[in-house]
Amino acid sequence: MKKITLYHGTPDKIVVPTFGKGEEKHDYGRGFYLTESIDLAKEWAVCRPNETNGYVHQYELDTEGLEILDFQEKGVLAWLAELMKHRDAADSKRYRMLAKKFIAKGNKVKVTLRFRGREMAHMQQSKHILDDFAEMLAEVAVVEKPAKLEGRSMSMVLTEKR
């Protein structure tokens, strides 16, 4: 039986770990956020603007039988793709909403990722971002032209599902 020690930082003195109470706009959705870093948990404990004190709660987790997603193994693009699933404002949710509106009006939608600098080394690994975008629109759209790498960009075209 393998156990790991995890920490949760909060302004609350008493915390009952509950999945689903968080906010969807948080980086990983409605989870109960834990970290192996006590220093990071201390930062979370005082993350609201007017707070000076907070609490760090320690938990022991039995990892036997759990599948753990390790972003250090997967790389920075997998981590960014996971974050984008939950970000607000100028993020993929906004673009999904706009794409649905365009498709509903009978238009096609071209989705493009542009790569700069170090991102160029990971272009092939980014195809899943476009695939995920298409999957999220699967109820209204189908892929007309699959993701294709052209120069510093990767694009696909979506059209109305018939």
Protein backbone atom coordinates (compact mmCIF):
# COMPACT_ATOMS: atom_id res chain seq x y z
CA MET A 1 0.00 0.00 0.00
CA LYS A 2 1.57 3.28 -1.18
CA LYS A 3 0.59 6.48 0.60
CA ILE A 4 1.38 10.07 -0.23
CA THR A 5 1.05 13.17 1.93
CA LEU A 6 -0.94 16.01 0.42
CA TYR A 7 -1.82 19.50 1.64
CA HIS A 8 -4.82 21.78 1.21
CA GLY A 9 -4.55 25.52 1.89
CA THR A 10 -7.66 27.45 2.87
CA PRO A 11 -8.83 30.42 4.93
CA ASP A 12 -11.16 28.00 6.76
CA LYS A 13 -10.15 26.42 10.08
CA ILE A 14 -12.30 23.32 9.54
CA VAL A 15 -12.53 21.65 6.13
CA VAL A 16 -14.32 18.51 5.04
CA PRO A 17 -12.88 17.31 1.71
CA THR A 18 -15.80 17.34 -0.70
CA PHE A 19 -15.61 16.91 -4.44
CA GLY A 20 -17.79 19.23 -6.49
CA LYS A 21 -18.02 22.20 -4.13
CA GLY A 22 -15.40 24.26 -5.97
CA GLU A 23 -16.02 26.55 -8.89
CA GLU A 24 -16.03 25.33 -12.48
CA LYS A 25 -13.80 28.26 -13.52
CA HIS A 26 -10.95 27.04 -11.34
CA ASP A 27 -8.00 25.52 -13.19
CA TYR A 28 -9.13 21.91 -12.86
CA GLY A 29 -12.84 22.43 -12.36
CA ARG A 30 -14.87 21.60 -9.27
CA GLY A 31 -12.23 19.54 -7.51
CA PHE A 32 -10.87 19.61 -3.98
CA TYR A 33 -7.39 21.02 -4.56
CA LEU A 34 -4.44 19.22 -2.99
CA THR A 35 -0.71 19.58 -3.50
CA GLU A 36 2.45 17.77 -2.43
CA SER A 37 4.01 21.18 -1.73
CA ILE A 38 3.33 22.63 1.71
CA ASP A 39 4.62 26.00 0.47
CA LEU A 40 2.04 26.08 -2.33
CA ALA A 41 -0.69 25.14 0.16
CA LYS A 42 0.41 28.09 2.34
CA GLU A 43 -0.05 30.39 -0.67
CA TRP A 44 -3.55 28.99 -1.28
CA ALA A 45 -4.42 29.59 2.37
CA VAL A 46 -4.14 33.35 1.95
CA CYS A 47 -5.13 33.75 -1.71
CA ARG A 48 -8.02 36.16 -1.12
CA PRO A 49 -7.04 39.85 -1.23
CA ASN A 50 -7.78 40.81 2.39
CA GLU A 51 -6.47 37.69 4.11
CA THR A 52 -3.30 37.52 6.13
CA ASN A 53 -3.83 34.18 7.87
CA GLY A 54 -5.03 30.82 6.69
CA TYR A 55 -4.80 27.12 7.43
CA VAL A 56 -2.96 24.23 5.82
CA HIS A 57 -4.60 20.84 6.27
CA GLN A 58 -2.58 17.65 5.83
CA TYR A 59 -4.01 14.45 4.33
CA GLU A 60 -2.67 10.94 3.77
CA LEU A 61 -3.89 9.38 0.54
CA ASP A 62 -3.72 5.70 -0.25
CA THR A 63 -2.85 5.59 -3.97
CA GLU A 64 -3.36 1.86 -4.45
CA GLY A 65 -5.71 1.34 -7.40
CA LEU A 66 -5.72 5.02 -8.39
CA GLU A 67 -4.76 6.27 -11.81
CA ILE A 68 -2.79 9.48 -11.30
CA LEU A 69 -2.39 11.96 -14.13
CA ASP A 70 1.20 13.23 -13.95
CA PHE A 71 1.60 16.34 -16.06
CA GLN A 72 5.37 16.23 -15.64
CA GLU A 73 5.35 13.01 -17.67
CA LYS A 74 2.82 14.31 -20.22
CA GLY A 75 4.42 17.70 -20.82
CA VAL A 76 3.38 21.31 -20.73
CA LEU A 77 0.92 21.09 -23.63
CA ALA A 78 -1.16 18.39 -21.94
CA TRP A 79 -1.25 20.55 -18.82
CA LEU A 80 -2.32 23.62 -20.81
CA ALA A 81 -5.01 21.64 -22.61
CA GLU A 82 -6.44 20.50 -19.25
CA LEU A 83 -6.42 24.08 -17.94
CA MET A 84 -8.20 25.36 -21.05
CA LYS A 85 -11.13 23.04 -20.36
CA HIS A 86 -12.01 25.15 -17.31
CA ARG A 87 -10.82 28.70 -18.04
CA ASP A 88 -13.29 31.57 -18.54
CA ALA A 89 -13.29 34.81 -20.54
CA ALA A 90 -10.94 34.72 -23.54
CA ASP A 91 -10.62 30.97 -23.58
CA SER A 92 -11.87 27.90 -25.38
CA LYS A 93 -15.35 28.18 -23.81
CA ARG A 94 -15.83 31.52 -25.51
CA TYR A 95 -14.61 30.15 -28.81
CA ARG A 96 -16.81 27.07 -28.51
CA MET A 97 -19.84 29.29 -27.93
CA LEU A 98 -18.98 31.47 -30.93
CA ALA A 99 -18.28 28.43 -33.11
CA LYS A 100 -21.70 26.96 -32.23
CA LYS A 101 -23.39 30.21 -33.26
CA PHE A 102 -21.54 30.35 -36.59
CA ILE A 103 -22.27 26.70 -37.34
CA ALA A 104 -25.96 27.12 -36.42
CA LYS A 105 -26.15 29.84 -39.10
CA GLY A 106 -24.81 27.39 -41.71
CA ASN A 107 -21.22 28.66 -41.70
CA LYS A 108 -18.05 26.60 -41.53
CA VAL A 109 -15.55 27.22 -38.74
CA LYS A 110 -11.79 27.04 -39.18
CA VAL A 111 -9.96 26.42 -35.89
CA THR A 112 -6.27 27.30 -35.90
CA LEU A 113 -3.45 26.93 -33.39
CA ARG A 114 -0.45 29.17 -34.03
CA PHE A 115 2.94 28.21 -32.64
CA ARG A 116 5.75 30.55 -31.60
CA GLY A 117 9.20 30.07 -30.17
CA ARG A 118 9.56 26.92 -28.06
CA GLU A 119 6.04 25.85 -28.96
CA MET A 120 7.42 24.86 -32.37
CA ALA A 121 9.08 21.83 -30.79
CA HIS A 122 5.68 20.48 -29.65
CA MET A 123 3.49 21.11 -32.68
CA GLN A 124 2.66 17.46 -33.40
CA GLN A 125 1.66 16.85 -29.78
CA SER A 126 -0.94 19.64 -29.98
CA LYS A 127 -3.33 17.86 -32.34
CA HIS A 128 -5.34 16.61 -29.36
CA ILE A 129 -6.29 20.23 -28.53
CA LEU A 130 -8.08 20.53 -31.86
CA ASP A 131 -9.54 17.03 -31.49
CA ASP A 132 -10.89 17.96 -28.04
CA PHE A 133 -12.40 21.16 -29.45
CA ALA A 134 -14.17 19.19 -32.19
CA GLU A 135 -15.38 16.63 -29.64
CA MET A 136 -16.91 19.40 -27.52
CA LEU A 137 -18.89 20.57 -30.56
CA ALA A 138 -19.84 17.07 -31.71
CA GLU A 139 -23.56 17.63 -31.06
CA VAL A 140 -23.71 20.38 -33.71
CA ALA A 141 -20.63 19.92 -35.92
CA VAL A 142 -18.48 17.39 -37.75
CA VAL A 143 -14.90 17.69 -38.92
CA GLU A 144 -14.86 18.53 -42.61
CA LYS A 145 -11.06 18.83 -42.84
CA PRO A 146 -9.03 17.14 -40.11
CA ALA A 147 -6.17 18.85 -38.29
CA LYS A 148 -3.30 19.58 -40.66
CA LEU A 149 0.06 21.17 -39.93
CA GLU A 150 0.96 24.05 -42.27
CA GLY A 151 4.08 26.04 -41.44
CA ARG A 152 3.70 27.47 -37.92
CA SER A 153 -0.02 26.68 -37.71
CA MET A 154 -2.26 23.67 -37.30
CA SER A 155 -5.85 24.00 -38.54
CA MET A 156 -9.05 22.03 -39.00
CA VAL A 157 -12.44 22.93 -40.46
CA LEU A 158 -15.77 22.15 -38.80
CA THR A 159 -19.13 22.18 -40.56
CA GLU A 160 -22.75 21.66 -39.57
CA LYS A 161 -23.78 18.16 -38.57
CA ARG A 162 -26.55 16.87 -40.81
